[in-house]
C-alpha atoms as a PDB file:
ATOM      1  CA  MET A   1      -0.610  22.256  -7.820  1.00  0.00           C
ATOM      2  CA  VAL A   2       2.920  21.864  -6.936  1.00  0.00           C
ATOM      3  CA  GLU A   3       2.283  21.235  -3.322  1.00  0.00           C
ATOM      4  CA  THR A   4      -0.493  18.817  -4.116  1.00  0.00           C
ATOM      5  CA  THR A   5       1.523  16.907  -6.836  1.00  0.00           C
ATOM      6  CA  ALA A   6       4.396  16.796  -4.273  1.00  0.00           C
ATOM      7  CA  ALA A   7       2.292  15.313  -1.508  1.00  0.00           C
ATOM      8  CA  TRP A   8       0.866  12.688  -3.993  1.00  0.00           C
ATOM      9  CA  THR A   9       4.470  11.823  -4.817  1.00  0.00           C
ATOM     10  CA  GLU A  10       5.326  11.342  -1.023  1.00  0.00           C
ATOM     11  CA  ASP A  11       2.269   9.569  -0.539  1.00  0.00           C
ATOM     12  CA  LEU A  12       3.067   7.136  -3.288  1.00  0.00           C
ATOM     13  CA  ILE A  13       6.561   6.818  -2.213  1.00  0.00           C
ATOM     14  CA  ARG A  14       5.814   6.133   1.316  1.00  0.00           C
ATOM     15  CA  PHE A  15       3.336   3.511   0.465  1.00  0.00           C
ATOM     16  CA  LEU A  16       5.765   1.656  -2.081  1.00  0.00           C
ATOM     17  CA  GLN A  17       8.703   1.864   0.272  1.00  0.00           C
ATOM     18  CA  SER A  18       6.554   0.085   2.731  1.00  0.00           C
ATOM     19  CA  GLN A  19       6.092  -3.042   0.626  1.00  0.00           C
ATOM     20  CA  PRO A  20       8.360  -5.971   1.293  1.00  0.00           C
ATOM     21  CA  GLY A  21      10.636  -6.527  -1.678  1.00  0.00           C
ATOM     22  CA  VAL A  22      10.490  -3.030  -3.085  1.00  0.00           C
ATOM     23  CA  ALA A  23      14.023  -1.415  -3.428  1.00  0.00           C
ATOM     24  CA  ALA A  24      13.698   1.713  -5.415  1.00  0.00           C
ATOM     25  CA  VAL A  25      10.816   4.102  -6.671  1.00  0.00           C
ATOM     26  CA  ARG A  26      10.796   6.514  -9.581  1.00  0.00           C
ATOM     27  CA  VAL A  27       7.775   8.630  -9.941  1.00  0.00           C
ATOM     28  CA  ASN A  28       7.175  10.889 -12.632  1.00  0.00           C
ATOM     29  CA  PRO A  29       4.208  12.805 -11.322  1.00  0.00           C
ATOM     30  CA  SER A  30       3.659  14.812 -14.657  1.00  0.00           C
ATOM     31  CA  ASP A  31       2.690  11.694 -16.611  1.00  0.00           C
ATOM     32  CA  ARG A  32       1.385   9.717 -13.307  1.00  0.00           C
ATOM     33  CA  THR A  33       3.932   6.914 -13.969  1.00  0.00           C
ATOM     34  CA  VAL A  34       6.018   5.017 -11.566  1.00  0.00           C
ATOM     35  CA  ALA A  35       8.882   2.759 -12.019  1.00  0.00           C
ATOM     36  CA  VAL A  36       9.661   0.150  -9.248  1.00  0.00           C
ATOM     37  CA  ALA A  37      12.980  -1.777  -8.621  1.00  0.00           C
ATOM     38  CA  THR A  38      12.472  -4.963  -6.379  1.00  0.00           C
ATOM     39  CA  LEU A  39      14.677  -7.541  -4.909  1.00  0.00           C
ATOM     40  CA  GLY A  40      13.069 -10.751  -5.772  1.00  0.00           C
ATOM     41  CA  GLN A  41       9.463 -11.556  -6.694  1.00  0.00           C
ATOM     42  CA  ILE A  42       6.707  -9.367  -5.352  1.00  0.00           C
ATOM     43  CA  ASP A  43       3.017 -10.011  -5.620  1.00  0.00           C
ATOM     44  CA  VAL A  44       2.178  -7.120  -7.991  1.00  0.00           C
ATOM     45  CA  PRO A  45      -1.582  -7.660  -7.955  1.00  0.00           C
ATOM     46  CA  ALA A  46      -1.793  -7.570  -4.409  1.00  0.00           C
ATOM     47  CA  VAL A  47       0.263  -4.236  -4.197  1.00  0.00           C
ATOM     48  CA  GLU A  48      -1.919  -2.625  -6.727  1.00  0.00           C
ATOM     49  CA  ALA A  49      -5.180  -3.826  -5.170  1.00  0.00           C
ATOM     50  CA  GLN A  50      -3.579  -2.274  -1.710  1.00  0.00           C
ATOM     51  CA  LEU A  51      -2.572   0.972  -3.636  1.00  0.00           C
ATOM     52  CA  ALA A  52      -6.115   1.101  -5.258  1.00  0.00           C
ATOM     53  CA  GLU A  53      -7.727   0.603  -1.750  1.00  0.00           C
ATOM     54  CA  ARG A  54      -5.674   3.219  -0.200  1.00  0.00           C
ATOM     55  CA  GLU A  55      -6.227   6.092  -3.122  1.00  0.00           C
ATOM     56  CA  GLU A  56      -9.698   5.144  -2.470  1.00  0.00           C
ATOM     57  CA  LYS A  57      -9.751   5.835   1.120  1.00  0.00           C
ATOM     58  CA  GLY A  58      -7.869   8.948   0.414  1.00  0.00           C
ATOM     59  CA  LEU A  59      -4.595   8.098   1.662  1.00  0.00           C
ATOM     60  CA  ILE A  60      -2.981   8.738  -1.538  1.00  0.00           C
ATOM     61  CA  ARG A  61      -4.187  11.979  -2.499  1.00  0.00           C
ATOM     62  CA  ASP A  62      -4.718  12.669  -6.389  1.00  0.00           C
ATOM     63  CA  PRO A  63      -2.769  15.376  -7.718  1.00  0.00           C
ATOM     64  CA  ILE A  64      -5.576  16.856  -9.935  1.00  0.00           C
END
């Protein structure tokens, strides 16, 4: 499970780093929570929709 959790974390971080305005990402894989620091305003609903789409397509793997 460690490899799967690490892969999920890496996938998520790569996705968030590709988003304009995202400056830092903190992931807690055991709680499945994410904290994101931004520079300026970002379109949160758009990022959430893109994240859900990537997860649905299997581009961000579920650690469970």
